[in-house]
């Protein structure tokens, strides 16, 4: 990922946005990464991908395959076992 400072963005916005049309770019402030600039198409792909990987369930609508691995872990957790590593 290419990096540009905010000052470079101000002076050469056309160049920076041209790169951002091809790939996300990091925008820095005082040499520290602060922002990411990307095309709207890349953002929509990223947002759609994130939405597909997140799933929330209530007790009533938890799929059986999720409950099969979740319930034993909850039992171990209730017994005071460490469940952070599987």
C-alpha atoms as a PDB file:
ATOM      1  CA  UNK A   1       0.000   0.000   0.000  1.00  0.00           C
ATOM      2  CA  UNK A   2       1.477   3.332  -0.996  1.00  0.00           C
ATOM      3  CA  UNK A   3       1.738   6.143   1.529  1.00  0.00           C
ATOM      4  CA  UNK A   4       1.198   9.872   1.122  1.00  0.00           C
ATOM      5  CA  UNK A   5       1.309  12.606   3.696  1.00  0.00           C
ATOM      6  CA  UNK A   6      -1.671  14.873   4.191  1.00  0.00           C
ATOM      7  CA  UNK A   7       0.506  17.691   2.850  1.00  0.00           C
ATOM      8  CA  UNK A   8       1.108  15.682  -0.340  1.00  0.00           C
ATOM      9  CA  UNK A   9      -2.619  15.127  -0.629  1.00  0.00           C
ATOM     10  CA  UNK A  10      -3.180  18.882  -0.423  1.00  0.00           C
ATOM     11  CA  UNK A  11      -0.509  19.681  -3.004  1.00  0.00           C
ATOM     12  CA  UNK A  12      -1.039  16.752  -5.381  1.00  0.00           C
ATOM     13  CA  UNK A  13      -4.601  15.559  -4.845  1.00  0.00           C
ATOM     14  CA  UNK A  14      -4.926  14.408  -8.456  1.00  0.00           C
ATOM     15  CA  UNK A  15      -1.884  12.147  -8.203  1.00  0.00           C
ATOM     16  CA  UNK A  16      -2.961  10.707  -4.857  1.00  0.00           C
ATOM     17  CA  UNK A  17      -6.541  10.030  -5.976  1.00  0.00           C
ATOM     18  CA  UNK A  18      -5.240   8.478  -9.193  1.00  0.00           C
ATOM     19  CA  UNK A  19      -3.306   5.931  -7.127  1.00  0.00           C
ATOM     20  CA  UNK A  20      -6.317   5.451  -4.829  1.00  0.00           C
ATOM     21  CA  UNK A  21      -8.396   4.507  -7.876  1.00  0.00           C
ATOM     22  CA  UNK A  22      -6.060   1.529  -8.394  1.00  0.00           C
ATOM     23  CA  UNK A  23      -5.340   0.563  -4.776  1.00  0.00           C
ATOM     24  CA  UNK A  24      -5.978   1.826  -1.253  1.00  0.00           C
ATOM     25  CA  UNK A  25      -3.437   4.380  -0.038  1.00  0.00           C
ATOM     26  CA  UNK A  26      -2.361   5.274   3.478  1.00  0.00           C
ATOM     27  CA  UNK A  27      -2.499   8.940   4.432  1.00  0.00           C
ATOM     28  CA  UNK A  28      -0.021   9.948   7.110  1.00  0.00           C
ATOM     29  CA  UNK A  29       0.188  12.857   9.516  1.00  0.00           C
ATOM     30  CA  UNK A  30       3.550  13.510  11.157  1.00  0.00           C
ATOM     31  CA  UNK A  31       4.768  10.247   9.566  1.00  0.00           C
ATOM     32  CA  UNK A  32       2.110   8.199  11.359  1.00  0.00           C
ATOM     33  CA  UNK A  33      -0.619   6.356   9.434  1.00  0.00           C
ATOM     34  CA  UNK A  34      -3.923   8.108  10.092  1.00  0.00           C
ATOM     35  CA  UNK A  35      -6.333   7.408   7.242  1.00  0.00           C
ATOM     36  CA  UNK A  36      -6.935   5.133   4.270  1.00  0.00           C
ATOM     37  CA  UNK A  37      -8.170   6.499   0.956  1.00  0.00           C
ATOM     38  CA  UNK A  38      -9.729   4.046  -1.491  1.00  0.00           C
ATOM     39  CA  UNK A  39     -12.127   3.933  -4.383  1.00  0.00           C
ATOM     40  CA  UNK A  40     -15.801   3.586  -3.579  1.00  0.00           C
ATOM     41  CA  UNK A  41     -15.804   0.242  -5.390  1.00  0.00           C
ATOM     42  CA  UNK A  42     -13.058  -1.102  -3.100  1.00  0.00           C
ATOM     43  CA  UNK A  43     -14.897   0.250  -0.059  1.00  0.00           C
ATOM     44  CA  UNK A  44     -18.157  -1.427  -1.089  1.00  0.00           C
ATOM     45  CA  UNK A  45     -16.338  -4.752  -1.584  1.00  0.00           C
ATOM     46  CA  UNK A  46     -14.701  -4.405   1.821  1.00  0.00           C
ATOM     47  CA  UNK A  47     -17.973  -3.499   3.533  1.00  0.00           C
ATOM     48  CA  UNK A  48     -19.820  -6.381   1.850  1.00  0.00           C
ATOM     49  CA  UNK A  49     -17.086  -8.807   2.852  1.00  0.00           C
ATOM     50  CA  UNK A  50     -17.216  -7.653   6.477  1.00  0.00           C
ATOM     51  CA  UNK A  51     -21.001  -7.904   6.539  1.00  0.00           C
ATOM     52  CA  UNK A  52     -20.868 -11.490   5.272  1.00  0.00           C
ATOM     53  CA  UNK A  53     -18.472 -12.629   8.004  1.00  0.00           C
ATOM     54  CA  UNK A  54     -20.439 -11.157  10.915  1.00  0.00           C
ATOM     55  CA  UNK A  55     -23.410 -13.069  12.182  1.00  0.00           C
ATOM     56  CA  UNK A  56     -25.442 -12.442  15.294  1.00  0.00           C
ATOM     57  CA  UNK A  57     -27.914 -14.894  16.761  1.00  0.00           C
ATOM     58  CA  UNK A  58     -30.395 -14.973  19.588  1.00  0.00           C
ATOM     59  CA  UNK A  59     -30.814 -18.114  21.636  1.00  0.00           C
ATOM     60  CA  UNK A  60     -33.910 -18.946  19.612  1.00  0.00           C
ATOM     61  CA  UNK A  61     -32.318 -18.640  16.160  1.00  0.00           C
ATOM     62  CA  UNK A  62     -28.799 -20.030  16.727  1.00  0.00           C
ATOM     63  CA  UNK A  63     -28.039 -22.526  13.950  1.00  0.00           C
ATOM     64  CA  UNK A  64     -27.359 -26.071  15.103  1.00  0.00           C
ATOM     65  CA  UNK A  65     -23.785 -26.093  13.724  1.00  0.00           C
ATOM     66  CA  UNK A  66     -22.964 -22.993  15.799  1.00  0.00           C
ATOM     67  CA  UNK A  67     -24.602 -24.369  18.924  1.00  0.00           C
ATOM     68  CA  UNK A  68     -22.600 -27.612  18.574  1.00  0.00           C
ATOM     69  CA  UNK A  69     -19.294 -25.825  19.167  1.00  0.00           C
ATOM     70  CA  UNK A  70     -20.615 -22.959  21.276  1.00  0.00           C
ATOM     71  CA  UNK A  71     -22.432 -24.875  24.010  1.00  0.00           C
ATOM     72  CA  UNK A  72     -19.460 -27.030  25.093  1.00  0.00           C
ATOM     73  CA  UNK A  73     -17.276 -23.903  25.237  1.00  0.00           C
ATOM     74  CA  UNK A  74     -19.907 -22.145  27.356  1.00  0.00           C
ATOM     75  CA  UNK A  75     -19.978 -25.125  29.711  1.00  0.00           C
ATOM     76  CA  UNK A  76     -16.171 -25.027  30.050  1.00  0.00           C
ATOM     77  CA  UNK A  77     -16.327 -21.270  30.629  1.00  0.00           C
ATOM     78  CA  UNK A  78     -18.988 -21.745  33.330  1.00  0.00           C
ATOM     79  CA  UNK A  79     -16.682 -24.294  35.000  1.00  0.00           C
ATOM     80  CA  UNK A  80     -13.903 -21.680  35.114  1.00  0.00           C
ATOM     81  CA  UNK A  81     -11.772 -23.167  32.343  1.00  0.00           C
ATOM     82  CA  UNK A  82      -9.806 -21.066  29.894  1.00  0.00           C
ATOM     83  CA  UNK A  83     -11.697 -21.157  26.594  1.00  0.00           C
ATOM     84  CA  UNK A  84      -9.684 -18.549  24.677  1.00  0.00           C
ATOM     85  CA  UNK A  85      -7.543 -21.108  22.791  1.00  0.00           C
ATOM     86  CA  UNK A  86     -10.185 -23.453  21.470  1.00  0.00           C
END
